[in-house]
Structures are given as C-alpha cells and as structure tokens.
C-alpha cells in the first residue's frame, strides 16, 4: 500500500506536488506546535525592518488549523492547480511557475496596504478563476445544490465563504489578481494592436523546461554513412596494417609483373 501511495504521489505534476505538500507540512508543523502562526503571517514591519523574509512565502502556505475550512481549501487547491498544470500549462512548467510568481507579487503588494495576514486562500481563488475562464463551457455542480458553468465558480465560492461568516476581501483579491493575469495573458495579446506583456524569464525556462530539440537537425541515414561497421572497420584495419609496416594485399605488386620487370 505504501508503494502504491508513493507511485500515486510521484505522478502528481511537480509544481502542484511541491505546493500542496508545503501547505500540508506547514499546517502539520503548526498542529504539532513546532511553529506557531505568529511566525508565519504576513507583516510588512517584520519583513522589511527585521528581515524576516520567510514570511513572504509562509503566509501563502498556512490555511488555518485542521478542520473543514482547511480540507475545503486543500481540495480546491489540489484539484484546480493540478488541472491547470496538466491542461493549459502542460509542458510549460516555467510559464506555470511564472504565473505563481506574478500572482504572489501582486497579492503581496496589495497586502502592504491592507490588513491581510494569510494569502493562501486568495491564491487558491486565483487558480480557480484562471481555470474557469479557460474552460468556459464546463458544467459545474456545487454540492448537488447548484448547476452552473465554470466562469461562475469563483463567485459561488465567494458566496459560500460569505455564508460561513468569512470576509470576502480575500476572495475578491484572488478574483482580481486572476482576472489581471487572464486579461494580460489570454485577452490583450489577441486584440488588435495588442501584444504579449507577460514573458517568462529565460532563467525559469532554463531551470524548469527541458531543452527543445533543434528542428533543423536531420541525422543522415546509416546507408549514407557506410553503415555502422562497414567502412569504419575496414578503414581501421587498413590503418592498423599500415602502422605495423605491412602492406595491404591489394597494394602488393603482382609476381608476374615483378618477373617481367
């Protein structure tokens, strides 16, 4: 069973696996009291005055204590992050990582002017929003109560969060950042006079994407090269004979010709 679980775990796309694992381990560390949420939350004063730079990342990894809210966020995070990575970002890991960085930076900038302590839920909503806009005709069912098309999913989640008594500021932030990314990546470049503004840095492509094969490379068939052994073997034998001071049989003069001389 452990081997089967390991195989299933390794089949998860790399970015989805890394992010969800980091979120689960962070929550487990808090539950086991190795760390506290006070060491993780977003605080500009502690980040820039006391150089606690890890808070720029850890505030995206903690979704609260174990409970319904945590499981709900983990399910949506894993599901839509994986569908994006295996769908529109398939074979484009660097572009997917760049979307993570773009969304994280925008949310952090907004967090500087608002009293937001943890941004993981907003990040999940951003992923859901981008997926929903790229799959507009998919029919959704929410707990068997609502039937709607995918673009309405982020708004349904925001309404559900409101029913649970949570603030909708986080959800609106995720929707806003998701829309900015979707507009700059999918809408604006296809408009008259538009161009692609979000360009993945080369260093990310060098790290996360496999090098592309040269389309102009066309190796010659073996027949044109004389085969794998023919030619190369004979040439090697001829060179070896010459190096030993022996003449190749075809280079020895005919005996009749010597007698005539």
C-alpha atoms as a PDB file:
ATOM      1  CA  UNK A   1       0.000   0.000   0.000  1.00  0.00           C
ATOM      2  CA  UNK A   2       2.851   2.350   0.813  1.00  0.00           C
ATOM      3  CA  UNK A   3       4.394   1.654  -2.591  1.00  0.00           C
ATOM      4  CA  UNK A   4       1.082   2.357  -4.321  1.00  0.00           C
ATOM      5  CA  UNK A   5       0.728   5.642  -2.424  1.00  0.00           C
ATOM      6  CA  UNK A   6       4.273   6.620  -3.375  1.00  0.00           C
ATOM      7  CA  UNK A   7       3.583   5.916  -7.044  1.00  0.00           C
ATOM      8  CA  UNK A   8       0.387   7.971  -6.968  1.00  0.00           C
ATOM      9  CA  UNK A   9       2.181  10.798  -5.188  1.00  0.00           C
ATOM     10  CA  UNK A  10       5.023  10.884  -7.723  1.00  0.00           C
ATOM     11  CA  UNK A  11       2.518  11.017 -10.585  1.00  0.00           C
ATOM     12  CA  UNK A  12       1.257  14.393  -9.366  1.00  0.00           C
ATOM     13  CA  UNK A  13       2.737  17.220 -11.511  1.00  0.00           C
ATOM     14  CA  UNK A  14       5.827  18.790  -9.955  1.00  0.00           C
ATOM     15  CA  UNK A  15       4.519  22.272  -9.111  1.00  0.00           C
ATOM     16  CA  UNK A  16       1.203  21.007  -7.713  1.00  0.00           C
ATOM     17  CA  UNK A  17       3.032  18.361  -5.675  1.00  0.00           C
ATOM     18  CA  UNK A  18       5.502  20.854  -4.233  1.00  0.00           C
ATOM     19  CA  UNK A  19       2.924  23.495  -3.292  1.00  0.00           C
ATOM     20  CA  UNK A  20       0.303  21.190  -1.763  1.00  0.00           C
ATOM     21  CA  UNK A  21       2.977  19.269   0.150  1.00  0.00           C
ATOM     22  CA  UNK A  22       4.388  22.520   1.566  1.00  0.00           C
ATOM     23  CA  UNK A  23       0.892  23.590   2.671  1.00  0.00           C
ATOM     24  CA  UNK A  24       0.169  20.258   4.393  1.00  0.00           C
ATOM     25  CA  UNK A  25       3.574  20.137   6.111  1.00  0.00           C
ATOM     26  CA  UNK A  26       3.219  23.724   7.335  1.00  0.00           C
ATOM     27  CA  UNK A  27      -0.204  23.001   8.822  1.00  0.00           C
ATOM     28  CA  UNK A  28       1.107  19.787  10.405  1.00  0.00           C
ATOM     29  CA  UNK A  29       4.016  21.689  11.951  1.00  0.00           C
ATOM     30  CA  UNK A  30       1.580  24.179  13.491  1.00  0.00           C
ATOM     31  CA  UNK A  31      -0.686  21.403  14.795  1.00  0.00           C
ATOM     32  CA  UNK A  32       2.301  19.665  16.386  1.00  0.00           C
ATOM     33  CA  UNK A  33       3.396  23.024  17.877  1.00  0.00           C
ATOM     34  CA  UNK A  34       6.793  23.027  16.234  1.00  0.00           C
ATOM     35  CA  UNK A  35       5.940  26.522  15.000  1.00  0.00           C
ATOM     36  CA  UNK A  36       3.121  28.994  15.582  1.00  0.00           C
ATOM     37  CA  UNK A  37       1.031  31.028  13.125  1.00  0.00           C
ATOM     38  CA  UNK A  38       2.654  34.138  14.585  1.00  0.00           C
ATOM     39  CA  UNK A  39       5.896  33.062  12.909  1.00  0.00           C
ATOM     40  CA  UNK A  40       4.199  32.695   9.525  1.00  0.00           C
ATOM     41  CA  UNK A  41       1.757  35.543   8.981  1.00  0.00           C
ATOM     42  CA  UNK A  42       2.322  38.489   6.644  1.00  0.00           C
ATOM     43  CA  UNK A  43       3.720  41.508   8.499  1.00  0.00           C
ATOM     44  CA  UNK A  44       5.466  44.239   6.465  1.00  0.00           C
ATOM     45  CA  UNK A  45       7.241  45.679   9.510  1.00  0.00           C
ATOM     46  CA  UNK A  46       8.778  42.343  10.460  1.00  0.00           C
ATOM     47  CA  UNK A  47       9.663  41.585   6.833  1.00  0.00           C
ATOM     48  CA  UNK A  48      11.377  44.829   5.924  1.00  0.00           C
ATOM     49  CA  UNK A  49      12.624  46.076   9.307  1.00  0.00           C
ATOM     50  CA  UNK A  50      13.672  42.807  10.915  1.00  0.00           C
ATOM     51  CA  UNK A  51      14.354  40.979   7.633  1.00  0.00           C
ATOM     52  CA  UNK A  52      12.068  38.034   8.345  1.00  0.00           C
ATOM     53  CA  UNK A  53      11.812  37.380   4.621  1.00  0.00           C
ATOM     54  CA  UNK A  54      10.378  33.882   5.000  1.00  0.00           C
ATOM     55  CA  UNK A  55       7.020  35.480   5.787  1.00  0.00           C
ATOM     56  CA  UNK A  56       6.724  36.441   2.118  1.00  0.00           C
ATOM     57  CA  UNK A  57       6.309  32.713   1.391  1.00  0.00           C
ATOM     58  CA  UNK A  58       4.875  31.175   4.561  1.00  0.00           C
ATOM     59  CA  UNK A  59       1.775  33.363   4.519  1.00  0.00           C
ATOM     60  CA  UNK A  60       0.767  31.506   1.327  1.00  0.00           C
ATOM     61  CA  UNK A  61       1.255  28.090   2.971  1.00  0.00           C
ATOM     62  CA  UNK A  62      -0.945  28.236   6.062  1.00  0.00           C
ATOM     63  CA  UNK A  63      -4.710  27.775   5.673  1.00  0.00           C
ATOM     64  CA  UNK A  64      -5.647  27.624   9.345  1.00  0.00           C
ATOM     65  CA  UNK A  65      -5.902  24.722  11.800  1.00  0.00           C
ATOM     66  CA  UNK A  66      -7.107  21.291  10.753  1.00  0.00           C
ATOM     67  CA  UNK A  67     -10.818  21.358  10.133  1.00  0.00           C
ATOM     68  CA  UNK A  68     -13.475  21.747   7.472  1.00  0.00           C
ATOM     69  CA  UNK A  69     -12.075  25.038   6.155  1.00  0.00           C
ATOM     70  CA  UNK A  70      -8.585  23.555   5.758  1.00  0.00           C
ATOM     71  CA  UNK A  71      -9.839  20.432   3.944  1.00  0.00           C
ATOM     72  CA  UNK A  72     -12.099  22.536   1.720  1.00  0.00           C
ATOM     73  CA  UNK A  73      -9.223  24.786   0.671  1.00  0.00           C
ATOM     74  CA  UNK A  74      -6.834  21.861   0.145  1.00  0.00           C
ATOM     75  CA  UNK A  75      -9.278  20.026  -2.100  1.00  0.00           C
ATOM     76  CA  UNK A  76      -9.823  23.058  -4.309  1.00  0.00           C
ATOM     77  CA  UNK A  77      -6.147  23.985  -4.314  1.00  0.00           C
ATOM     78  CA  UNK A  78      -5.018  20.492  -5.326  1.00  0.00           C
ATOM     79  CA  UNK A  79      -7.787  19.950  -7.871  1.00  0.00           C
ATOM     80  CA  UNK A  80      -7.532  23.185  -9.839  1.00  0.00           C
ATOM     81  CA  UNK A  81      -3.785  23.584  -9.540  1.00  0.00           C
ATOM     82  CA  UNK A  82      -3.348  20.092 -10.988  1.00  0.00           C
ATOM     83  CA  UNK A  83      -5.906  20.634 -13.755  1.00  0.00           C
ATOM     84  CA  UNK A  84      -4.132  23.816 -14.811  1.00  0.00           C
ATOM     85  CA  UNK A  85      -0.703  22.179 -14.779  1.00  0.00           C
ATOM     86  CA  UNK A  86      -1.915  19.149 -16.728  1.00  0.00           C
ATOM     87  CA  UNK A  87      -4.131  21.211 -19.014  1.00  0.00           C
ATOM     88  CA  UNK A  88      -3.295  24.628 -20.431  1.00  0.00           C
ATOM     89  CA  UNK A  89       0.190  24.580 -18.842  1.00  0.00           C
ATOM     90  CA  UNK A  90       1.086  21.059 -19.931  1.00  0.00           C
ATOM     91  CA  UNK A  91       4.750  21.031 -20.989  1.00  0.00           C
ATOM     92  CA  UNK A  92       5.092  24.670 -19.838  1.00  0.00           C
ATOM     93  CA  UNK A  93       6.249  24.345 -16.251  1.00  0.00           C
ATOM     94  CA  UNK A  94       8.262  27.575 -16.409  1.00  0.00           C
ATOM     95  CA  UNK A  95       5.171  29.528 -17.507  1.00  0.00           C
ATOM     96  CA  UNK A  96       3.194  27.969 -14.653  1.00  0.00           C
ATOM     97  CA  UNK A  97       5.853  28.948 -12.108  1.00  0.00           C
ATOM     98  CA  UNK A  98       5.877  32.460 -13.579  1.00  0.00           C
ATOM     99  CA  UNK A  99       2.106  32.674 -13.027  1.00  0.00           C
ATOM    100  CA  UNK A 100       2.720  31.708  -9.386  1.00  0.00           C
ATOM    101  CA  UNK A 101       5.312  34.461  -9.023  1.00  0.00           C
ATOM    102  CA  UNK A 102       3.153  37.041 -10.808  1.00  0.00           C
ATOM    103  CA  UNK A 103       0.123  36.314  -8.634  1.00  0.00           C
ATOM    104  CA  UNK A 104       2.162  36.154  -5.444  1.00  0.00           C
ATOM    105  CA  UNK A 105       3.845  39.507  -6.089  1.00  0.00           C
ATOM    106  CA  UNK A 106       0.549  41.285  -6.859  1.00  0.00           C
ATOM    107  CA  UNK A 107      -1.107  39.882  -3.738  1.00  0.00           C
ATOM    108  CA  UNK A 108       1.893  40.846  -1.613  1.00  0.00           C
ATOM    109  CA  UNK A 109       1.769  44.413  -2.941  1.00  0.00           C
ATOM    110  CA  UNK A 110      -1.910  44.606  -2.071  1.00  0.00           C
ATOM    111  CA  UNK A 111      -1.168  43.123   1.353  1.00  0.00           C
ATOM    112  CA  UNK A 112       1.146  46.053   2.079  1.00  0.00           C
ATOM    113  CA  UNK A 113      -1.884  48.365   2.121  1.00  0.00           C
ATOM    114  CA  UNK A 114      -4.430  46.059   3.750  1.00  0.00           C
ATOM    115  CA  UNK A 115      -4.531  44.129   6.999  1.00  0.00           C
ATOM    116  CA  UNK A 116      -4.223  40.684   5.437  1.00  0.00           C
ATOM    117  CA  UNK A 117      -2.302  38.058   7.348  1.00  0.00           C
ATOM    118  CA  UNK A 118      -2.566  34.933   5.180  1.00  0.00           C
ATOM    119  CA  UNK A 119      -2.960  34.944   1.396  1.00  0.00           C
ATOM    120  CA  UNK A 120      -3.203  31.230   0.608  1.00  0.00           C
ATOM    121  CA  UNK A 121      -6.971  31.314   0.125  1.00  0.00           C
ATOM    122  CA  UNK A 122      -6.678  34.242  -2.290  1.00  0.00           C
ATOM    123  CA  UNK A 123      -4.054  32.303  -4.225  1.00  0.00           C
ATOM    124  CA  UNK A 124      -6.406  29.309  -4.488  1.00  0.00           C
ATOM    125  CA  UNK A 125      -9.201  31.531  -5.804  1.00  0.00           C
ATOM    126  CA  UNK A 126      -6.787  32.937  -8.405  1.00  0.00           C
ATOM    127  CA  UNK A 127      -6.050  29.420  -9.674  1.00  0.00           C
ATOM    128  CA  UNK A 128      -9.755  28.596  -9.765  1.00  0.00           C
ATOM    129  CA  UNK A 129     -10.504  31.833 -11.656  1.00  0.00           C
ATOM    130  CA  UNK A 130      -7.865  31.244 -14.346  1.00  0.00           C
ATOM    131  CA  UNK A 131      -9.014  27.657 -14.861  1.00  0.00           C
ATOM    132  CA  UNK A 132     -12.679  28.663 -15.019  1.00  0.00           C
ATOM    133  CA  UNK A 133     -12.069  31.353 -17.655  1.00  0.00           C
ATOM    134  CA  UNK A 134     -10.068  28.928 -19.797  1.00  0.00           C
ATOM    135  CA  UNK A 135     -12.835  26.309 -19.587  1.00  0.00           C
ATOM    136  CA  UNK A 136     -15.980  28.423 -20.018  1.00  0.00           C
ATOM    137  CA  UNK A 137     -18.269  25.628 -21.257  1.00  0.00           C
ATOM    138  CA  UNK A 138     -17.653  23.114 -18.470  1.00  0.00           C
ATOM    139  CA  UNK A 139     -20.780  22.441 -16.405  1.00  0.00           C
ATOM    140  CA  UNK A 140     -20.275  22.512 -12.625  1.00  0.00           C
ATOM    141  CA  UNK A 141     -22.271  21.127  -9.722  1.00  0.00           C
ATOM    142  CA  UNK A 142     -21.740  22.567  -6.246  1.00  0.00           C
ATOM    143  CA  UNK A 143     -22.595  20.055  -3.504  1.00  0.00           C
ATOM    144  CA  UNK A 144     -25.556  18.901  -5.588  1.00  0.00           C
ATOM    145  CA  UNK A 145     -27.327  22.215  -4.958  1.00  0.00           C
ATOM    146  CA  UNK A 146     -26.296  24.477  -7.818  1.00  0.00           C
ATOM    147  CA  UNK A 147     -25.673  23.849 -11.503  1.00  0.00           C
ATOM    148  CA  UNK A 148     -23.731  26.470 -13.393  1.00  0.00           C
ATOM    149  CA  UNK A 149     -20.960  26.974 -15.926  1.00  0.00           C
ATOM    150  CA  UNK A 150     -17.317  27.176 -14.888  1.00  0.00           C
ATOM    151  CA  UNK A 151     -16.840  31.002 -15.067  1.00  0.00           C
ATOM    152  CA  UNK A 152     -19.300  31.388 -12.172  1.00  0.00           C
ATOM    153  CA  UNK A 153     -17.328  29.073  -9.866  1.00  0.00           C
ATOM    154  CA  UNK A 154     -15.160  31.763  -8.172  1.00  0.00           C
ATOM    155  CA  UNK A 155     -18.248  33.799  -7.377  1.00  0.00           C
ATOM    156  CA  UNK A 156     -20.057  30.755  -5.979  1.00  0.00           C
ATOM    157  CA  UNK A 157     -17.062  30.074  -3.740  1.00  0.00           C
ATOM    158  CA  UNK A 158     -17.096  33.681  -2.574  1.00  0.00           C
ATOM    159  CA  UNK A 159     -20.788  33.382  -1.704  1.00  0.00           C
ATOM    160  CA  UNK A 160     -20.143  30.152   0.178  1.00  0.00           C
ATOM    161  CA  UNK A 161     -17.329  31.839   2.113  1.00  0.00           C
ATOM    162  CA  UNK A 162     -19.702  34.664   2.987  1.00  0.00           C
ATOM    163  CA  UNK A 163     -22.255  32.144   4.315  1.00  0.00           C
ATOM    164  CA  UNK A 164     -19.561  30.693   6.572  1.00  0.00           C
ATOM    165  CA  UNK A 165     -19.035  34.161   8.062  1.00  0.00           C
ATOM    166  CA  UNK A 166     -15.660  34.828   6.445  1.00  0.00           C
ATOM    167  CA  UNK A 167     -14.543  38.103   4.927  1.00  0.00           C
ATOM    168  CA  UNK A 168     -14.884  38.255   1.160  1.00  0.00           C
ATOM    169  CA  UNK A 169     -11.873  40.582   0.780  1.00  0.00           C
ATOM    170  CA  UNK A 170      -9.552  37.602   0.323  1.00  0.00           C
ATOM    171  CA  UNK A 171     -11.824  36.086  -2.332  1.00  0.00           C
ATOM    172  CA  UNK A 172     -12.138  39.403  -4.170  1.00  0.00           C
ATOM    173  CA  UNK A 173      -8.346  39.745  -4.131  1.00  0.00           C
ATOM    174  CA  UNK A 174      -7.944  36.297  -5.687  1.00  0.00           C
ATOM    175  CA  UNK A 175     -10.563  37.046  -8.342  1.00  0.00           C
ATOM    176  CA  UNK A 176      -8.978  40.422  -9.120  1.00  0.00           C
ATOM    177  CA  UNK A 177      -5.441  39.046  -9.489  1.00  0.00           C
ATOM    178  CA  UNK A 178      -6.734  36.081 -11.501  1.00  0.00           C
ATOM    179  CA  UNK A 179      -8.555  38.420 -13.874  1.00  0.00           C
ATOM    180  CA  UNK A 180      -5.468  40.592 -14.343  1.00  0.00           C
ATOM    181  CA  UNK A 181      -3.402  37.551 -15.284  1.00  0.00           C
ATOM    182  CA  UNK A 182      -6.110  36.178 -17.586  1.00  0.00           C
ATOM    183  CA  UNK A 183      -6.528  39.530 -19.332  1.00  0.00           C
ATOM    184  CA  UNK A 184      -2.798  40.112 -19.867  1.00  0.00           C
ATOM    185  CA  UNK A 185      -2.113  36.526 -20.937  1.00  0.00           C
ATOM    186  CA  UNK A 186      -5.212  35.464 -22.900  1.00  0.00           C
ATOM    187  CA  UNK A 187      -7.220  38.551 -23.875  1.00  0.00           C
ATOM    188  CA  UNK A 188      -4.974  41.532 -24.571  1.00  0.00           C
ATOM    189  CA  UNK A 189      -2.451  39.751 -26.887  1.00  0.00           C
ATOM    190  CA  UNK A 190      -5.339  38.683 -29.174  1.00  0.00           C
ATOM    191  CA  UNK A 191      -6.834  42.154 -29.538  1.00  0.00           C
ATOM    192  CA  UNK A 192      -5.970  44.492 -32.458  1.00  0.00           C
ATOM    193  CA  UNK A 193      -2.724  46.222 -31.551  1.00  0.00           C
ATOM    194  CA  UNK A 194      -2.261  44.027 -28.510  1.00  0.00           C
ATOM    195  CA  UNK A 195       0.906  42.181 -27.640  1.00  0.00           C
ATOM    196  CA  UNK A 196       2.118  39.687 -25.072  1.00  0.00           C
ATOM    197  CA  UNK A 197       3.194  41.542 -21.950  1.00  0.00           C
ATOM    198  CA  UNK A 198       3.829  38.605 -19.638  1.00  0.00           C
ATOM    199  CA  UNK A 199       7.046  36.983 -20.864  1.00  0.00           C
ATOM    200  CA  UNK A 200       8.519  34.164 -18.807  1.00  0.00           C
ATOM    201  CA  UNK A 201      12.173  34.937 -17.906  1.00  0.00           C
ATOM    202  CA  UNK A 202      14.756  32.781 -19.601  1.00  0.00           C
ATOM    203  CA  UNK A 203      16.217  31.659 -16.289  1.00  0.00           C
ATOM    204  CA  UNK A 204      12.909  29.982 -15.361  1.00  0.00           C
ATOM    205  CA  UNK A 205      12.793  28.210 -18.711  1.00  0.00           C
ATOM    206  CA  UNK A 206      16.371  27.026 -18.223  1.00  0.00           C
ATOM    207  CA  UNK A 207      15.509  25.621 -14.789  1.00  0.00           C
ATOM    208  CA  UNK A 208      12.067  24.090 -15.318  1.00  0.00           C
ATOM    209  CA  UNK A 209      11.706  23.341 -19.040  1.00  0.00           C
ATOM    210  CA  UNK A 210      13.598  20.633 -20.905  1.00  0.00           C
ATOM    211  CA  UNK A 211      15.749  21.974 -23.760  1.00  0.00           C
ATOM    212  CA  UNK A 212      13.968  21.891 -27.100  1.00  0.00           C
ATOM    213  CA  UNK A 213      15.336  19.771 -29.921  1.00  0.00           C
ATOM    214  CA  UNK A 214      16.697  21.598 -32.955  1.00  0.00           C
ATOM    215  CA  UNK A 215      14.001  21.264 -35.662  1.00  0.00           C
ATOM    216  CA  UNK A 216      16.652  21.685 -38.383  1.00  0.00           C
ATOM    217  CA  UNK A 217      18.720  18.745 -37.135  1.00  0.00           C
ATOM    218  CA  UNK A 218      18.311  15.827 -39.526  1.00  0.00           C
ATOM    219  CA  UNK A 219      20.787  12.993 -38.964  1.00  0.00           C
ATOM    220  CA  UNK A 220      21.971  11.162 -42.084  1.00  0.00           C
ATOM    221  CA  UNK A 221      20.786   7.572 -42.511  1.00  0.00           C
ATOM    222  CA  UNK A 222      23.298   4.818 -41.911  1.00  0.00           C
ATOM    223  CA  UNK A 223      23.352   3.911 -45.613  1.00  0.00           C
ATOM    224  CA  UNK A 224      24.914   7.261 -46.444  1.00  0.00           C
ATOM    225  CA  UNK A 225      27.469   6.836 -43.697  1.00  0.00           C
ATOM    226  CA  UNK A 226      28.535   3.369 -44.888  1.00  0.00           C
ATOM    227  CA  UNK A 227      26.674   1.513 -42.143  1.00  0.00           C
ATOM    228  CA  UNK A 228      27.672   1.111 -38.535  1.00  0.00           C
ATOM    229  CA  UNK A 229      30.649  -1.248 -39.196  1.00  0.00           C
ATOM    230  CA  UNK A 230      31.335  -1.177 -42.893  1.00  0.00           C
ATOM    231  CA  UNK A 231      33.900   1.448 -43.832  1.00  0.00           C
ATOM    232  CA  UNK A 232      34.808   2.308 -40.291  1.00  0.00           C
ATOM    233  CA  UNK A 233      36.034  -1.226 -39.593  1.00  0.00           C
ATOM    234  CA  UNK A 234      37.848  -1.612 -42.911  1.00  0.00           C
ATOM    235  CA  UNK A 235      39.445   1.792 -42.574  1.00  0.00           C
ATOM    236  CA  UNK A 236      40.591   0.897 -39.054  1.00  0.00           C
ATOM    237  CA  UNK A 237      42.116  -2.380 -40.248  1.00  0.00           C
ATOM    238  CA  UNK A 238      43.914  -0.621 -43.109  1.00  0.00           C
ATOM    239  CA  UNK A 239      45.330   1.997 -40.751  1.00  0.00           C
ATOM    240  CA  UNK A 240      46.457  -0.725 -38.329  1.00  0.00           C
ATOM    241  CA  UNK A 241      48.238  -2.638 -41.104  1.00  0.00           C
ATOM    242  CA  UNK A 242      49.993   0.475 -42.336  1.00  0.00           C
ATOM    243  CA  UNK A 243      51.004   1.381 -38.813  1.00  0.00           C
ATOM    244  CA  UNK A 244      52.616  -2.070 -38.396  1.00  0.00           C
ATOM    245  CA  UNK A 245      54.696  -1.665 -41.549  1.00  0.00           C
ATOM    246  CA  UNK A 246      52.665  -4.223 -43.511  1.00  0.00           C
ATOM    247  CA  UNK A 247      51.201  -3.626 -46.921  1.00  0.00           C
ATOM    248  CA  UNK A 248      47.599  -4.390 -47.603  1.00  0.00           C
ATOM    249  CA  UNK A 249      47.247  -7.387 -50.023  1.00  0.00           C
ATOM    250  CA  UNK A 250      45.705  -5.218 -52.694  1.00  0.00           C
ATOM    251  CA  UNK A 251      48.757  -2.917 -52.542  1.00  0.00           C
ATOM    252  CA  UNK A 252      51.338  -5.786 -53.142  1.00  0.00           C
ATOM    253  CA  UNK A 253      52.663  -5.906 -56.753  1.00  0.00           C
ATOM    254  CA  UNK A 254      51.741  -8.959 -58.809  1.00  0.00           C
ATOM    255  CA  UNK A 255      54.540 -11.623 -59.021  1.00  0.00           C
ATOM    256  CA  UNK A 256      54.253 -11.894 -62.829  1.00  0.00           C
ATOM    257  CA  UNK A 257      54.658  -8.179 -63.080  1.00  0.00           C
ATOM    258  CA  UNK A 258      57.854  -8.400 -60.965  1.00  0.00           C
ATOM    259  CA  UNK A 259      59.273 -11.201 -63.213  1.00  0.00           C
ATOM    260  CA  UNK A 260      58.576  -9.138 -66.325  1.00  0.00           C
ATOM    261  CA  UNK A 261      60.485  -6.275 -64.754  1.00  0.00           C
END
